[in-house]
Amino acid sequence: MTMRSLVRACFVLMLVLAAGAPDLVRADAGPAAISPNERASWSARATRLRARAAAAALRQEAATAAYSRMLTRRYPAGDAKLAIVEERERAAEDYADALAEVREFKEQARRAGVPDSWIDPEGDLPPWWVDPQ
């Protein structure tokens, strides 16, 4: 393959990618492709997601603690026990959903070329924000 044909092939590939996969082209464009006016929007979405995930994490911790106390004391029983078990399950599902939203948001931000400084909180990052797996 000659240099000229290689250059043509690369050019054709770039045209195909630009026409059929705009997300890939924009991801390579970097933060300069994003309007600075979008910073507030991305930051606000990140703040809402962090608040939801933090609340879900606290709810899960509280439900797990109530479940542990129930097992240790062998109290309550019946409907009260069932309510604790169901709350623990709902809290775990809510936390998993919140982490899935964080993963999706961070993927959208990455594809859009949003800098981490726009979406990361000040100070220490919660572990579920750094790695929402």
Protein backbone atom coordinates (compact mmCIF):
# COMPACT_ATOMS: atom_id res chain seq x y z
CA MET A 1 0.00 0.00 0.00
CA THR A 2 1.42 3.35 -0.97
CA MET A 3 1.50 6.40 1.26
CA ARG A 4 -1.04 8.13 -0.94
CA SER A 5 -3.54 5.26 -0.70
CA LEU A 6 -3.02 5.08 3.05
CA VAL A 7 -3.77 8.80 3.39
CA ARG A 8 -6.89 8.39 1.24
CA ALA A 9 -8.05 5.45 3.35
CA CYS A 10 -7.59 7.47 6.54
CA PHE A 11 -9.45 10.41 5.03
CA VAL A 12 -12.36 8.18 3.97
CA LEU A 13 -12.45 6.61 7.42
CA MET A 14 -12.61 10.05 9.05
CA LEU A 15 -15.49 11.06 6.76
CA VAL A 16 -17.38 7.86 7.56
CA LEU A 17 -16.88 8.32 11.29
CA ALA A 18 -17.90 11.97 11.13
CA ALA A 19 -21.07 11.15 9.22
CA GLY A 20 -22.11 8.03 11.09
CA ALA A 21 -20.72 8.45 14.58
CA PRO A 22 -20.83 12.09 15.74
CA ASP A 23 -20.28 11.04 19.37
CA LEU A 24 -16.88 9.58 18.51
CA VAL A 25 -15.78 12.72 16.71
CA ARG A 26 -16.98 14.99 19.49
CA ALA A 27 -15.27 12.88 22.17
CA ASP A 28 -11.96 13.45 20.38
CA ALA A 29 -12.62 17.17 20.11
CA GLY A 30 -12.04 17.65 23.84
CA PRO A 31 -13.31 20.31 26.26
CA ALA A 32 -12.81 23.09 23.71
CA ALA A 33 -15.81 21.74 21.78
CA ILE A 34 -18.14 22.45 24.73
CA SER A 35 -19.56 25.86 25.38
CA PRO A 36 -18.49 27.30 28.75
CA ASN A 37 -22.17 28.10 29.31
CA GLU A 38 -22.81 24.37 29.66
CA ARG A 39 -20.63 24.19 32.78
CA ALA A 40 -23.47 25.21 35.10
CA SER A 41 -25.78 22.60 33.62
CA TRP A 42 -23.26 19.76 33.97
CA SER A 43 -22.30 20.88 37.46
CA ALA A 44 -25.94 21.06 38.58
CA ARG A 45 -26.69 17.59 37.21
CA ALA A 46 -23.61 16.22 38.99
CA THR A 47 -24.69 17.84 42.27
CA ARG A 48 -28.20 16.35 42.02
CA LEU A 49 -26.78 12.91 41.26
CA ARG A 50 -24.32 13.07 44.16
CA ALA A 51 -27.13 14.07 46.53
CA ARG A 52 -29.33 11.20 45.32
CA ALA A 53 -26.53 8.64 45.56
CA ALA A 54 -25.49 9.89 49.03
CA ALA A 55 -29.08 9.67 50.28
CA ALA A 56 -29.43 6.16 48.82
CA ALA A 57 -26.17 5.10 50.49
CA LEU A 58 -27.36 6.41 53.88
CA ARG A 59 -30.72 4.68 53.44
CA GLN A 60 -28.98 1.41 52.63
CA GLU A 61 -26.70 1.73 55.66
CA ALA A 62 -29.67 2.42 57.95
CA ALA A 63 -31.69 -0.47 56.53
CA THR A 64 -28.73 -2.84 56.89
CA ALA A 65 -28.16 -1.70 60.48
CA ALA A 66 -31.84 -2.26 61.32
CA TYR A 67 -31.65 -5.70 59.73
CA SER A 68 -28.51 -6.57 61.73
CA ARG A 69 -30.13 -5.43 64.99
CA MET A 70 -33.18 -7.53 64.17
CA LEU A 71 -31.04 -10.63 63.63
CA THR A 72 -29.03 -10.03 66.80
CA ARG A 73 -32.03 -9.45 69.05
CA ARG A 74 -34.34 -11.90 67.31
CA TYR A 75 -36.92 -9.15 67.44
CA PRO A 76 -39.27 -8.05 65.84
CA ALA A 77 -41.22 -10.87 64.26
CA GLY A 78 -44.10 -11.15 61.85
CA ASP A 79 -45.08 -8.09 59.82
CA ALA A 80 -42.50 -5.85 61.47
CA LYS A 81 -39.74 -8.28 60.52
CA LEU A 82 -41.07 -8.46 56.97
CA ALA A 83 -41.11 -4.65 56.77
CA ILE A 84 -37.43 -4.48 57.80
CA VAL A 85 -36.43 -7.13 55.25
CA GLU A 86 -38.41 -5.40 52.48
CA GLU A 87 -36.94 -1.98 53.35
CA ARG A 88 -33.44 -3.43 53.18
CA GLU A 89 -34.16 -4.88 49.74
CA ARG A 90 -35.72 -1.63 48.45
CA ALA A 91 -32.80 0.40 49.84
CA ALA A 92 -30.27 -1.88 48.13
CA GLU A 93 -32.16 -1.58 44.82
CA ASP A 94 -32.36 2.22 45.17
CA TYR A 95 -28.62 2.42 45.84
CA ALA A 96 -27.85 0.21 42.84
CA ASP A 97 -30.09 2.41 40.65
CA ALA A 98 -28.33 5.55 41.92
CA LEU A 99 -24.92 4.07 41.09
CA ALA A 100 -26.16 3.11 37.62
CA GLU A 101 -27.27 6.73 37.09
CA VAL A 102 -23.85 7.96 38.22
CA ARG A 103 -22.12 5.56 35.80
CA GLU A 104 -24.38 6.68 32.93
CA PHE A 105 -23.87 10.37 33.74
CA LYS A 106 -20.11 10.03 33.90
CA GLU A 107 -20.12 8.16 30.58
CA GLN A 108 -22.23 10.92 28.99
CA ALA A 109 -19.84 13.53 30.35
CA ARG A 110 -16.84 11.61 29.03
CA ARG A 111 -18.41 11.29 25.57
CA ALA A 112 -19.26 15.00 25.55
CA GLY A 113 -15.69 15.91 26.53
CA VAL A 114 -16.71 17.52 29.82
CA PRO A 115 -13.69 18.17 32.07
CA ASP A 116 -13.70 16.37 35.43
CA SER A 117 -13.39 19.72 37.19
CA TRP A 118 -16.91 20.58 36.01
CA ILE A 119 -18.57 17.56 37.58
CA ASP A 120 -16.35 16.52 40.50
CA PRO A 121 -17.09 18.00 43.93
CA GLU A 122 -14.59 20.04 45.88
CA GLY A 123 -12.48 18.18 48.45
CA ASP A 124 -12.48 14.42 48.89
CA LEU A 125 -14.47 12.45 46.36
CA PRO A 126 -16.88 9.82 47.69
CA PRO A 127 -15.72 6.32 46.72
CA TRP A 128 -18.97 5.62 44.86
CA TRP A 129 -18.36 8.74 42.73
CA VAL A 130 -14.77 7.80 41.88
CA ASP A 131 -15.68 4.20 40.96
CA PRO A 132 -19.46 3.62 40.79
CA GLN A 133 -18.98 -0.10 40.11
